[in-house]
Amino acid sequence: MSLLYLRTGDKVRFDATPEHKQLVEVTIGALAFRLRTDDLWEAKTGENCARCTYAKYCAAVQDNPRSLPKATKSRRQRQLVLSI
């Protein structure tokens, strides 16, 4: 398996057992399910808020956030792919 750090381009490789691969699939699968179904998620401010392009719409950052564009309000299907 490899980890690719997008900001630096560094790539770290390591051997993964079948158990590691299964754990990754289960963990990412659970996260993907939560991302698709969690309507009660509440934003929390942090160090990344200054760089976030969503900040102008975020009630955790703005006292009067902008309304989301209409195109983003529909529940679209998301596809997440994990290739191990």
PDB file of N, CA and C in Angstrom:
ATOM      1  N   MET A   1       0.851  -1.180   0.000  1.00  0.00           N
ATOM      2  CA  MET A   1       0.000   0.000   0.000  1.00  0.00           C
ATOM      3  C   MET A   1       0.886   1.229   0.000  1.00  0.00           C
ATOM      4  N   SER A   2       0.319   2.326  -0.478  1.00  0.00           N
ATOM      5  CA  SER A   2       1.056   3.584  -0.518  1.00  0.00           C
ATOM      6  C   SER A   2       0.183   4.719  -0.005  1.00  0.00           C
ATOM      7  N   LEU A   3       0.832   5.651   0.649  1.00  0.00           N
ATOM      8  CA  LEU A   3       0.191   6.907   1.027  1.00  0.00           C
ATOM      9  C   LEU A   3       0.833   7.993   0.190  1.00  0.00           C
ATOM     10  N   LEU A   4       0.002   8.784  -0.463  1.00  0.00           N
ATOM     11  CA  LEU A   4       0.507   9.879  -1.284  1.00  0.00           C
ATOM     12  C   LEU A   4       0.075  11.180  -0.633  1.00  0.00           C
ATOM     13  N   TYR A   5       1.049  11.989  -0.234  1.00  0.00           N
ATOM     14  CA  TYR A   5       0.766  13.282   0.375  1.00  0.00           C
ATOM     15  C   TYR A   5       0.622  14.304  -0.748  1.00  0.00           C
ATOM     16  N   LEU A   6      -0.614  14.779  -0.932  1.00  0.00           N
ATOM     17  CA  LEU A   6      -0.929  15.615  -2.087  1.00  0.00           C
ATOM     18  C   LEU A   6      -0.207  16.953  -2.066  1.00  0.00           C
ATOM     19  N   ARG A   7       0.009  17.534  -0.903  1.00  0.00           N
ATOM     20  CA  ARG A   7       0.668  18.845  -0.842  1.00  0.00           C
ATOM     21  C   ARG A   7       2.149  18.762  -1.208  1.00  0.00           C
ATOM     22  N   THR A   8       2.809  17.691  -0.796  1.00  0.00           N
ATOM     23  CA  THR A   8       4.255  17.596  -1.020  1.00  0.00           C
ATOM     24  C   THR A   8       4.634  16.658  -2.151  1.00  0.00           C
ATOM     25  N   GLY A   9       3.727  15.753  -2.512  1.00  0.00           N
ATOM     26  CA  GLY A   9       4.037  14.765  -3.533  1.00  0.00           C
ATOM     27  C   GLY A   9       4.807  13.569  -2.996  1.00  0.00           C
ATOM     28  N   ASP A  10       5.092  13.574  -1.692  1.00  0.00           N
ATOM     29  CA  ASP A  10       5.812  12.445  -1.091  1.00  0.00           C
ATOM     30  C   ASP A  10       4.937  11.198  -1.120  1.00  0.00           C
ATOM     31  N   LYS A  11       5.597  10.060  -1.330  1.00  0.00           N
ATOM     32  CA  LYS A  11       4.891   8.784  -1.363  1.00  0.00           C
ATOM     33  C   LYS A  11       5.570   7.841  -0.379  1.00  0.00           C
ATOM     34  N   VAL A  12       4.775   7.274   0.519  1.00  0.00           N
ATOM     35  CA  VAL A  12       5.285   6.335   1.517  1.00  0.00           C
ATOM     36  C   VAL A  12       4.676   4.977   1.215  1.00  0.00           C
ATOM     37  N   ARG A  13       5.522   3.980   1.040  1.00  0.00           N
ATOM     38  CA  ARG A  13       5.046   2.629   0.718  1.00  0.00           C
ATOM     39  C   ARG A  13       5.295   1.696   1.893  1.00  0.00           C
ATOM     40  N   PHE A  14       4.373   0.764   2.077  1.00  0.00           N
ATOM     41  CA  PHE A  14       4.552  -0.237   3.121  1.00  0.00           C
ATOM     42  C   PHE A  14       3.768  -1.485   2.750  1.00  0.00           C
ATOM     43  N   ASP A  15       4.188  -2.594   3.328  1.00  0.00           N
ATOM     44  CA  ASP A  15       3.500  -3.858   3.086  1.00  0.00           C
ATOM     45  C   ASP A  15       2.244  -3.918   3.948  1.00  0.00           C
ATOM     46  N   ALA A  16       1.177  -4.399   3.370  1.00  0.00           N
ATOM     47  CA  ALA A  16      -0.079  -4.524   4.100  1.00  0.00           C
ATOM     48  C   ALA A  16      -0.551  -5.968   4.041  1.00  0.00           C
ATOM     49  N   THR A  17      -0.974  -6.446   5.187  1.00  0.00           N
ATOM     50  CA  THR A  17      -1.507  -7.800   5.265  1.00  0.00           C
ATOM     51  C   THR A  17      -2.960  -7.786   4.800  1.00  0.00           C
ATOM     52  N   PRO A  18      -3.527  -8.940   4.505  1.00  0.00           N
ATOM     53  CA  PRO A  18      -4.950  -8.987   4.163  1.00  0.00           C
ATOM     54  C   PRO A  18      -5.832  -8.393   5.279  1.00  0.00           C
ATOM     55  N   GLU A  19      -5.400  -8.546   6.530  1.00  0.00           N
ATOM     56  CA  GLU A  19      -6.152  -7.979   7.650  1.00  0.00           C
ATOM     57  C   GLU A  19      -6.133  -6.447   7.600  1.00  0.00           C
ATOM     58  N   HIS A  20      -4.963  -5.874   7.240  1.00  0.00           N
ATOM     59  CA  HIS A  20      -4.880  -4.413   7.088  1.00  0.00           C
ATOM     60  C   HIS A  20      -5.850  -3.939   6.000  1.00  0.00           C
ATOM     61  N   LYS A  21      -5.836  -4.622   4.882  1.00  0.00           N
ATOM     62  CA  LYS A  21      -6.704  -4.235   3.767  1.00  0.00           C
ATOM     63  C   LYS A  21      -8.179  -4.314   4.160  1.00  0.00           C
ATOM     64  N   GLN A  22      -8.543  -5.373   4.885  1.00  0.00           N
ATOM     65  CA  GLN A  22      -9.931  -5.514   5.306  1.00  0.00           C
ATOM     66  C   GLN A  22     -10.315  -4.402   6.282  1.00  0.00           C
ATOM     67  N   LEU A  23      -9.423  -4.058   7.203  1.00  0.00           N
ATOM     68  CA  LEU A  23      -9.702  -2.983   8.148  1.00  0.00           C
ATOM     69  C   LEU A  23      -9.893  -1.642   7.431  1.00  0.00           C
ATOM     70  N   VAL A  24      -9.062  -1.388   6.425  1.00  0.00           N
ATOM     71  CA  VAL A  24      -9.194  -0.152   5.648  1.00  0.00           C
ATOM     72  C   VAL A  24     -10.541  -0.130   4.929  1.00  0.00           C
ATOM     73  N   GLU A  25     -10.924  -1.218   4.303  1.00  0.00           N
ATOM     74  CA  GLU A  25     -12.202  -1.280   3.597  1.00  0.00           C
ATOM     75  C   GLU A  25     -13.371  -1.043   4.545  1.00  0.00           C
ATOM     76  N   VAL A  26     -13.337  -1.650   5.717  1.00  0.00           N
ATOM     77  CA  VAL A  26     -14.422  -1.491   6.690  1.00  0.00           C
ATOM     78  C   VAL A  26     -14.478  -0.050   7.198  1.00  0.00           C
ATOM     79  N   THR A  27     -13.321   0.508   7.531  1.00  0.00           N
ATOM     80  CA  THR A  27     -13.268   1.867   8.060  1.00  0.00           C
ATOM     81  C   THR A  27     -13.756   2.886   7.033  1.00  0.00           C
ATOM     82  N   ILE A  28     -13.264   2.795   5.810  1.00  0.00           N
ATOM     83  CA  ILE A  28     -13.672   3.745   4.772  1.00  0.00           C
ATOM     84  C   ILE A  28     -15.127   3.520   4.383  1.00  0.00           C
ATOM     85  N   GLY A  29     -15.568   2.286   4.359  1.00  0.00           N
ATOM     86  CA  GLY A  29     -16.969   2.003   4.062  1.00  0.00           C
ATOM     87  C   GLY A  29     -17.897   2.630   5.094  1.00  0.00           C
ATOM     88  N   ALA A  30     -17.536   2.526   6.371  1.00  0.00           N
ATOM     89  CA  ALA A  30     -18.355   3.128   7.438  1.00  0.00           C
ATOM     90  C   ALA A  30     -18.360   4.652   7.324  1.00  0.00           C
ATOM     91  N   LEU A  31     -17.207   5.229   7.024  1.00  0.00           N
ATOM     92  CA  LEU A  31     -17.121   6.678   6.851  1.00  0.00           C
ATOM     93  C   LEU A  31     -17.949   7.132   5.652  1.00  0.00           C
ATOM     94  N   ALA A  32     -17.858   6.415   4.545  1.00  0.00           N
ATOM     95  CA  ALA A  32     -18.632   6.764   3.351  1.00  0.00           C
ATOM     96  C   ALA A  32     -20.128   6.703   3.641  1.00  0.00           C
ATOM     97  N   PHE A  33     -20.558   5.712   4.389  1.00  0.00           N
ATOM     98  CA  PHE A  33     -21.971   5.600   4.749  1.00  0.00           C
ATOM     99  C   PHE A  33     -22.403   6.796   5.580  1.00  0.00           C
ATOM    100  N   ARG A  34     -21.577   7.175   6.563  1.00  0.00           N
ATOM    101  CA  ARG A  34     -21.911   8.341   7.399  1.00  0.00           C
ATOM    102  C   ARG A  34     -21.974   9.615   6.570  1.00  0.00           C
ATOM    103  N   LEU A  35     -21.057   9.783   5.619  1.00  0.00           N
ATOM    104  CA  LEU A  35     -21.062  10.981   4.779  1.00  0.00           C
ATOM    105  C   LEU A  35     -22.333  11.068   3.941  1.00  0.00           C
ATOM    106  N   ARG A  36     -22.840   9.931   3.507  1.00  0.00           N
ATOM    107  CA  ARG A  36     -24.043   9.914   2.671  1.00  0.00           C
ATOM    108  C   ARG A  36     -25.318  10.110   3.474  1.00  0.00           C
ATOM    109  N   THR A  37     -25.331   9.736   4.760  1.00  0.00           N
ATOM    110  CA  THR A  37     -26.588   9.682   5.500  1.00  0.00           C
ATOM    111  C   THR A  37     -26.686  10.630   6.682  1.00  0.00           C
ATOM    112  N   ASP A  38     -25.609  11.243   7.127  1.00  0.00           N
ATOM    113  CA  ASP A  38     -25.619  12.048   8.348  1.00  0.00           C
ATOM    114  C   ASP A  38     -26.104  13.466   8.067  1.00  0.00           C
ATOM    115  N   ASP A  39     -27.369  13.720   8.334  1.00  0.00           N
ATOM    116  CA  ASP A  39     -27.934  15.055   8.156  1.00  0.00           C
ATOM    117  C   ASP A  39     -27.783  15.908   9.416  1.00  0.00           C
ATOM    118  N   LEU A  40     -27.337  15.328  10.507  1.00  0.00           N
ATOM    119  CA  LEU A  40     -27.231  16.042  11.776  1.00  0.00           C
ATOM    120  C   LEU A  40     -25.803  16.492  12.091  1.00  0.00           C
ATOM    121  N   TRP A  41     -24.894  16.341  11.146  1.00  0.00           N
ATOM    122  CA  TRP A  41     -23.500  16.715  11.363  1.00  0.00           C
ATOM    123  C   TRP A  41     -23.404  18.213  11.616  1.00  0.00           C
ATOM    124  N   GLU A  42     -22.625  18.594  12.622  1.00  0.00           N
ATOM    125  CA  GLU A  42     -22.436  20.005  12.933  1.00  0.00           C
ATOM    126  C   GLU A  42     -20.976  20.373  12.708  1.00  0.00           C
ATOM    127  N   ALA A  43     -20.776  21.474  12.025  1.00  0.00           N
ATOM    128  CA  ALA A  43     -19.417  21.938  11.741  1.00  0.00           C
ATOM    129  C   ALA A  43     -18.757  22.442  13.018  1.00  0.00           C
ATOM    130  N   LYS A  44     -17.459  22.250  13.107  1.00  0.00           N
ATOM    131  CA  LYS A  44     -16.660  22.762  14.218  1.00  0.00           C
ATOM    132  C   LYS A  44     -15.516  23.561  13.620  1.00  0.00           C
ATOM    133  N   THR A  45     -15.245  24.703  14.196  1.00  0.00           N
ATOM    134  CA  THR A  45     -14.172  25.537  13.678  1.00  0.00           C
ATOM    135  C   THR A  45     -12.814  24.959  14.060  1.00  0.00           C
ATOM    136  N   GLY A  46     -11.824  25.289  13.244  1.00  0.00           N
ATOM    137  CA  GLY A  46     -10.472  24.808  13.488  1.00  0.00           C
ATOM    138  C   GLY A  46      -9.489  25.555  12.618  1.00  0.00           C
ATOM    139  N   GLU A  47      -8.253  25.082  12.609  1.00  0.00           N
ATOM    140  CA  GLU A  47      -7.184  25.771  11.888  1.00  0.00           C
ATOM    141  C   GLU A  47      -7.380  25.778  10.374  1.00  0.00           C
ATOM    142  N   ASN A  48      -8.154  24.856   9.839  1.00  0.00           N
ATOM    143  CA  ASN A  48      -8.362  24.798   8.391  1.00  0.00           C
ATOM    144  C   ASN A  48      -9.438  25.757   7.893  1.00  0.00           C
ATOM    145  N   CYS A  49     -10.185  26.366   8.792  1.00  0.00           N
ATOM    146  CA  CYS A  49     -11.277  27.254   8.371  1.00  0.00           C
ATOM    147  C   CYS A  49     -10.781  28.418   7.520  1.00  0.00           C
ATOM    148  N   ALA A  50      -9.595  28.920   7.793  1.00  0.00           N
ATOM    149  CA  ALA A  50      -9.062  30.056   7.036  1.00  0.00           C
ATOM    150  C   ALA A  50      -8.823  29.695   5.572  1.00  0.00           C
ATOM    151  N   ARG A  51      -8.592  28.419   5.265  1.00  0.00           N
ATOM    152  CA  ARG A  51      -8.326  27.978   3.892  1.00  0.00           C
ATOM    153  C   ARG A  51      -9.546  27.343   3.225  1.00  0.00           C
ATOM    154  N   CYS A  52     -10.601  27.189   3.960  1.00  0.00           N
ATOM    155  CA  CYS A  52     -11.762  26.450   3.467  1.00  0.00           C
ATOM    156  C   CYS A  52     -12.597  27.300   2.512  1.00  0.00           C
ATOM    157  N   THR A  53     -12.900  26.749   1.342  1.00  0.00           N
ATOM    158  CA  THR A  53     -13.717  27.466   0.367  1.00  0.00           C
ATOM    159  C   THR A  53     -15.202  27.436   0.728  1.00  0.00           C
ATOM    160  N   TYR A  54     -15.582  26.619   1.683  1.00  0.00           N
ATOM    161  CA  TYR A  54     -16.969  26.532   2.144  1.00  0.00           C
ATOM    162  C   TYR A  54     -17.255  27.535   3.264  1.00  0.00           C
ATOM    163  N   ALA A  55     -16.234  28.170   3.830  1.00  0.00           N
ATOM    164  CA  ALA A  55     -16.382  29.018   5.011  1.00  0.00           C
ATOM    165  C   ALA A  55     -17.456  30.092   4.863  1.00  0.00           C
ATOM    166  N   LYS A  56     -17.614  30.660   3.678  1.00  0.00           N
ATOM    167  CA  LYS A  56     -18.605  31.728   3.497  1.00  0.00           C
ATOM    168  C   LYS A  56     -20.037  31.221   3.664  1.00  0.00           C
ATOM    169  N   TYR A  57     -20.254  29.911   3.593  1.00  0.00           N
ATOM    170  CA  TYR A  57     -21.569  29.306   3.756  1.00  0.00           C
ATOM    171  C   TYR A  57     -21.758  28.678   5.142  1.00  0.00           C
ATOM    172  N   CYS A  58     -20.712  28.667   5.934  1.00  0.00           N
ATOM    173  CA  CYS A  58     -20.666  27.886   7.170  1.00  0.00           C
ATOM    174  C   CYS A  58     -21.116  28.700   8.389  1.00  0.00           C
ATOM    175  N   ALA A  59     -22.145  28.225   9.071  1.00  0.00           N
ATOM    176  CA  ALA A  59     -22.658  28.908  10.253  1.00  0.00           C
ATOM    177  C   ALA A  59     -21.687  28.853  11.427  1.00  0.00           C
ATOM    178  N   ALA A  60     -20.759  27.901  11.415  1.00  0.00           N
ATOM    179  CA  ALA A  60     -19.765  27.831  12.482  1.00  0.00           C
ATOM    180  C   ALA A  60     -18.703  28.912  12.326  1.00  0.00           C
ATOM    181  N   VAL A  61     -18.536  29.439  11.119  1.00  0.00           N
ATOM    182  CA  VAL A  61     -17.509  30.442  10.836  1.00  0.00           C
ATOM    183  C   VAL A  61     -18.113  31.841  10.712  1.00  0.00           C
ATOM    184  N   GLN A  62     -19.258  31.935  10.056  1.00  0.00           N
ATOM    185  CA  GLN A  62     -19.883  33.229   9.767  1.00  0.00           C
ATOM    186  C   GLN A  62     -21.098  33.467  10.662  1.00  0.00           C
ATOM    187  N   ASP A  63     -21.258  34.717  11.119  1.00  0.00           N
ATOM    188  CA  ASP A  63     -22.467  35.066  11.854  1.00  0.00           C
ATOM    189  C   ASP A  63     -23.683  35.054  10.933  1.00  0.00           C
ATOM    190  N   ASN A  64     -23.494  35.511   9.696  1.00  0.00           N
ATOM    191  CA  ASN A  64     -24.552  35.520   8.684  1.00  0.00           C
ATOM    192  C   ASN A  64     -24.044  34.812   7.433  1.00  0.00           C
ATOM    193  N   PRO A  65     -24.033  33.476   7.451  1.00  0.00           N
ATOM    194  CA  PRO A  65     -23.497  32.756   6.285  1.00  0.00           C
ATOM    195  C   PRO A  65     -24.368  32.953   5.049  1.00  0.00           C
ATOM    196  N   ARG A  66     -23.720  32.897   3.888  1.00  0.00           N
ATOM    197  CA  ARG A  66     -24.450  32.959   2.623  1.00  0.00           C
ATOM    198  C   ARG A  66     -25.270  31.695   2.449  1.00  0.00           C
ATOM    199  N   SER A  67     -26.337  31.798   1.678  1.00  0.00           N
ATOM    200  CA  SER A  67     -27.128  30.611   1.347  1.00  0.00           C
ATOM    201  C   SER A  67     -26.346  29.772   0.350  1.00  0.00           C
ATOM    202  N   LEU A  68     -26.518  28.461   0.446  1.00  0.00           N
ATOM    203  CA  LEU A  68     -25.873  27.573  -0.513  1.00  0.00           C
ATOM    204  C   LEU A  68     -26.456  27.797  -1.900  1.00  0.00           C
ATOM    205  N   PRO A  69     -25.649  27.722  -2.944  1.00  0.00           N
ATOM    206  CA  PRO A  69     -26.185  27.797  -4.305  1.00  0.00           C
ATOM    207  C   PRO A  69     -27.205  26.683  -4.517  1.00  0.00           C
ATOM    208  N   LYS A  70     -28.221  26.948  -5.300  1.00  0.00           N
ATOM    209  CA  LYS A  70     -29.291  25.968  -5.523  1.00  0.00           C
ATOM    210  C   LYS A  70     -28.773  24.639  -6.049  1.00  0.00           C
ATOM    211  N   ALA A  71     -27.758  24.660  -6.873  1.00  0.00           N
ATOM    212  CA  ALA A  71     -27.226  23.426  -7.459  1.00  0.00           C
ATOM    213  C   ALA A  71     -26.664  22.484  -6.398  1.00  0.00           C
ATOM    214  N   THR A  72     -26.256  22.988  -5.239  1.00  0.00           N
ATOM    215  CA  THR A  72     -25.658  22.133  -4.220  1.00  0.00           C
ATOM    216  C   THR A  72     -26.670  21.602  -3.227  1.00  0.00           C
ATOM    217  N   LYS A  73     -27.897  22.100  -3.276  1.00  0.00           N
ATOM    218  CA  LYS A  73     -28.880  21.692  -2.285  1.00  0.00           C
ATOM    219  C   LYS A  73     -29.526  20.338  -2.563  1.00  0.00           C
ATOM    220  N   SER A  74     -29.481  19.866  -3.785  1.00  0.00           N
ATOM    221  CA  SER A  74     -30.099  18.576  -4.079  1.00  0.00           C
ATOM    222  C   SER A  74     -29.227  17.448  -3.544  1.00  0.00           C
ATOM    223  N   ARG A  75     -29.885  16.358  -3.149  1.00  0.00           N
ATOM    224  CA  ARG A  75     -29.138  15.192  -2.658  1.00  0.00           C
ATOM    225  C   ARG A  75     -28.696  14.374  -3.861  1.00  0.00           C
ATOM    226  N   ARG A  76     -27.460  14.568  -4.240  1.00  0.00           N
ATOM    227  CA  ARG A  76     -26.928  13.820  -5.365  1.00  0.00           C
ATOM    228  C   ARG A  76     -26.266  12.555  -4.859  1.00  0.00           C
ATOM    229  N   GLN A  77     -26.217  11.568  -5.695  1.00  0.00           N
ATOM    230  CA  GLN A  77     -25.501  10.343  -5.361  1.00  0.00           C
ATOM    231  C   GLN A  77     -24.016  10.616  -5.392  1.00  0.00           C
ATOM    232  N   ARG A  78     -23.306  10.074  -4.452  1.00  0.00           N
ATOM    233  CA  ARG A  78     -21.852  10.184  -4.434  1.00  0.00           C
ATOM    234  C   ARG A  78     -21.273   8.790  -4.618  1.00  0.00           C
ATOM    235  N   GLN A  79     -20.201   8.740  -5.334  1.00  0.00           N
ATOM    236  CA  GLN A  79     -19.551   7.453  -5.535  1.00  0.00           C
ATOM    237  C   GLN A  79     -18.141   7.555  -4.978  1.00  0.00           C
ATOM    238  N   LEU A  80     -17.844   6.686  -4.055  1.00  0.00           N
ATOM    239  CA  LEU A  80     -16.510   6.607  -3.488  1.00  0.00           C
ATOM    240  C   LEU A  80     -15.901   5.282  -3.936  1.00  0.00           C
ATOM    241  N   VAL A  81     -14.670   5.339  -4.378  1.00  0.00           N
ATOM    242  CA  VAL A  81     -14.008   4.143  -4.885  1.00  0.00           C
ATOM    243  C   VAL A  81     -12.764   3.874  -4.066  1.00  0.00           C
ATOM    244  N   LEU A  82     -12.609   2.633  -3.655  1.00  0.00           N
ATOM    245  CA  LEU A  82     -11.428   2.208  -2.911  1.00  0.00           C
ATOM    246  C   LEU A  82     -10.822   1.033  -3.650  1.00  0.00           C
ATOM    247  N   SER A  83      -9.650   1.231  -4.156  1.00  0.00           N
ATOM    248  CA  SER A  83      -8.976   0.168  -4.883  1.00  0.00           C
ATOM    249  C   SER A  83      -7.774  -0.298  -4.062  1.00  0.00           C
ATOM    250  N   ILE A  84      -7.855  -1.493  -3.540  1.00  0.00           N
ATOM    251  CA  ILE A  84      -6.753  -2.034  -2.716  1.00  0.00           C
ATOM    252  C   ILE A  84      -6.113  -3.185  -3.426  1.00  0.00           C
TER     253      ILE A  84
END
